[in-house]
Amino acid sequence: MTLDASGADPVFGKPVALFADDNNFGAGASIANYDVTADGRFIMIRRGTNGGKLRLVANWTEELKQILASGGVR
């Protein structure tokens, strides 16, 4: 959605979808599967096509540096 805040009152544009992925709350869950972290980053859980596994990679930039340093092989 666009936002024009240059005038005295904000003018909001037409809402648009942010994601094309299949997202859901999950079985019995009543909270959203996405959030914005304190430093402004975005995190979300999306439904995969091959099952219900969750993989969390903390400090993924450090892991990526190690992978690239070893020639791109994990």
C-alpha atoms as a PDB file:
ATOM      1  CA  MET A   1       0.000   0.000   0.000  1.00  0.00           C
ATOM      2  CA  THR A   2       1.238   3.463  -0.717  1.00  0.00           C
ATOM      3  CA  LEU A   3       1.160   6.250   1.829  1.00  0.00           C
ATOM      4  CA  ASP A   4       1.298   9.977   1.138  1.00  0.00           C
ATOM      5  CA  ALA A   5       2.079  11.813   4.368  1.00  0.00           C
ATOM      6  CA  SER A   6       3.048  15.121   2.767  1.00  0.00           C
ATOM      7  CA  GLY A   7      -0.269  16.824   3.537  1.00  0.00           C
ATOM      8  CA  ALA A   8      -2.065  17.601   6.771  1.00  0.00           C
ATOM      9  CA  ASP A   9      -3.854  14.222   6.663  1.00  0.00           C
ATOM     10  CA  PRO A  10      -2.282  10.952   5.499  1.00  0.00           C
ATOM     11  CA  VAL A  11      -3.625   9.482   2.259  1.00  0.00           C
ATOM     12  CA  PHE A  12      -3.549   5.704   2.025  1.00  0.00           C
ATOM     13  CA  GLY A  13      -3.412   3.896  -1.305  1.00  0.00           C
ATOM     14  CA  LYS A  14      -4.922   0.567  -2.293  1.00  0.00           C
ATOM     15  CA  PRO A  15      -3.737  -2.416  -0.187  1.00  0.00           C
ATOM     16  CA  VAL A  16      -1.567  -4.962  -1.994  1.00  0.00           C
ATOM     17  CA  ALA A  17      -0.544  -8.518  -1.115  1.00  0.00           C
ATOM     18  CA  LEU A  18       2.936  -8.726   0.359  1.00  0.00           C
ATOM     19  CA  PHE A  19       3.457 -12.450  -0.188  1.00  0.00           C
ATOM     20  CA  ALA A  20       2.442 -14.957  -2.828  1.00  0.00           C
ATOM     21  CA  ASP A  21       3.366 -17.945  -0.636  1.00  0.00           C
ATOM     22  CA  ASP A  22       0.868 -20.163   1.132  1.00  0.00           C
ATOM     23  CA  ASN A  23       0.808 -18.892   4.697  1.00  0.00           C
ATOM     24  CA  ASN A  24      -1.375 -20.079   7.494  1.00  0.00           C
ATOM     25  CA  PHE A  25      -1.668 -20.004  11.248  1.00  0.00           C
ATOM     26  CA  GLY A  26      -1.185 -23.741  11.711  1.00  0.00           C
ATOM     27  CA  ALA A  27      -3.280 -26.295  13.520  1.00  0.00           C
ATOM     28  CA  GLY A  28      -4.858 -24.774  16.599  1.00  0.00           C
ATOM     29  CA  ALA A  29      -2.709 -21.641  16.460  1.00  0.00           C
ATOM     30  CA  SER A  30      -4.394 -18.293  16.815  1.00  0.00           C
ATOM     31  CA  ILE A  31      -1.428 -15.976  16.370  1.00  0.00           C
ATOM     32  CA  ALA A  32       0.142 -14.728  13.174  1.00  0.00           C
ATOM     33  CA  ASN A  33       3.045 -16.666  11.657  1.00  0.00           C
ATOM     34  CA  TYR A  34       5.070 -13.517  11.008  1.00  0.00           C
ATOM     35  CA  ASP A  35       6.530 -10.637  12.991  1.00  0.00           C
ATOM     36  CA  VAL A  36       8.955  -7.753  12.807  1.00  0.00           C
ATOM     37  CA  THR A  37      11.966  -8.032  15.081  1.00  0.00           C
ATOM     38  CA  ALA A  38      13.184  -5.217  17.341  1.00  0.00           C
ATOM     39  CA  ASP A  39      15.861  -4.248  14.812  1.00  0.00           C
ATOM     40  CA  GLY A  40      13.324  -3.968  11.973  1.00  0.00           C
ATOM     41  CA  ARG A  41      13.941  -7.320  10.314  1.00  0.00           C
ATOM     42  CA  PHE A  42      11.066  -9.497   9.195  1.00  0.00           C
ATOM     43  CA  ILE A  43      10.544 -13.128  10.138  1.00  0.00           C
ATOM     44  CA  MET A  44       7.826 -15.492   8.960  1.00  0.00           C
ATOM     45  CA  ILE A  45       6.945 -19.158   8.845  1.00  0.00           C
ATOM     46  CA  ARG A  46       5.580 -20.405   5.557  1.00  0.00           C
ATOM     47  CA  ARG A  47       4.013 -23.667   4.558  1.00  0.00           C
ATOM     48  CA  GLY A  48       6.310 -25.933   2.588  1.00  0.00           C
ATOM     49  CA  THR A  49       5.267 -28.320  -0.152  1.00  0.00           C
ATOM     50  CA  ASN A  50       7.120 -31.297   1.339  1.00  0.00           C
ATOM     51  CA  GLY A  51       5.803 -31.508   4.880  1.00  0.00           C
ATOM     52  CA  GLY A  52       5.703 -29.669   8.148  1.00  0.00           C
ATOM     53  CA  LYS A  53       9.348 -29.320   9.122  1.00  0.00           C
ATOM     54  CA  LEU A  54      10.711 -26.143  10.655  1.00  0.00           C
ATOM     55  CA  ARG A  55      14.327 -25.224  10.088  1.00  0.00           C
ATOM     56  CA  LEU A  56      15.790 -22.289  11.967  1.00  0.00           C
ATOM     57  CA  VAL A  57      19.191 -20.976  10.983  1.00  0.00           C
ATOM     58  CA  ALA A  58      20.555 -18.559  13.559  1.00  0.00           C
ATOM     59  CA  ASN A  59      23.434 -16.337  12.464  1.00  0.00           C
ATOM     60  CA  TRP A  60      22.880 -17.440   8.872  1.00  0.00           C
ATOM     61  CA  THR A  61      25.241 -14.760   7.567  1.00  0.00           C
ATOM     62  CA  GLU A  62      28.122 -16.385   9.465  1.00  0.00           C
ATOM     63  CA  GLU A  63      27.143 -19.780   8.065  1.00  0.00           C
ATOM     64  CA  LEU A  64      27.025 -18.280   4.572  1.00  0.00           C
ATOM     65  CA  LYS A  65      30.521 -16.782   5.014  1.00  0.00           C
ATOM     66  CA  GLN A  66      31.853 -20.204   6.028  1.00  0.00           C
ATOM     67  CA  ILE A  67      30.156 -21.882   3.066  1.00  0.00           C
ATOM     68  CA  LEU A  68      31.550 -19.339   0.629  1.00  0.00           C
ATOM     69  CA  ALA A  69      35.015 -19.533   2.182  1.00  0.00           C
ATOM     70  CA  SER A  70      35.034 -23.312   1.634  1.00  0.00           C
ATOM     71  CA  GLY A  71      34.228 -22.929  -2.045  1.00  0.00           C
ATOM     72  CA  GLY A  72      30.461 -22.889  -1.759  1.00  0.00           C
ATOM     73  CA  VAL A  73      30.135 -26.471  -0.564  1.00  0.00           C
ATOM     74  CA  ARG A  74      28.189 -27.217   2.566  1.00  0.00           C
END
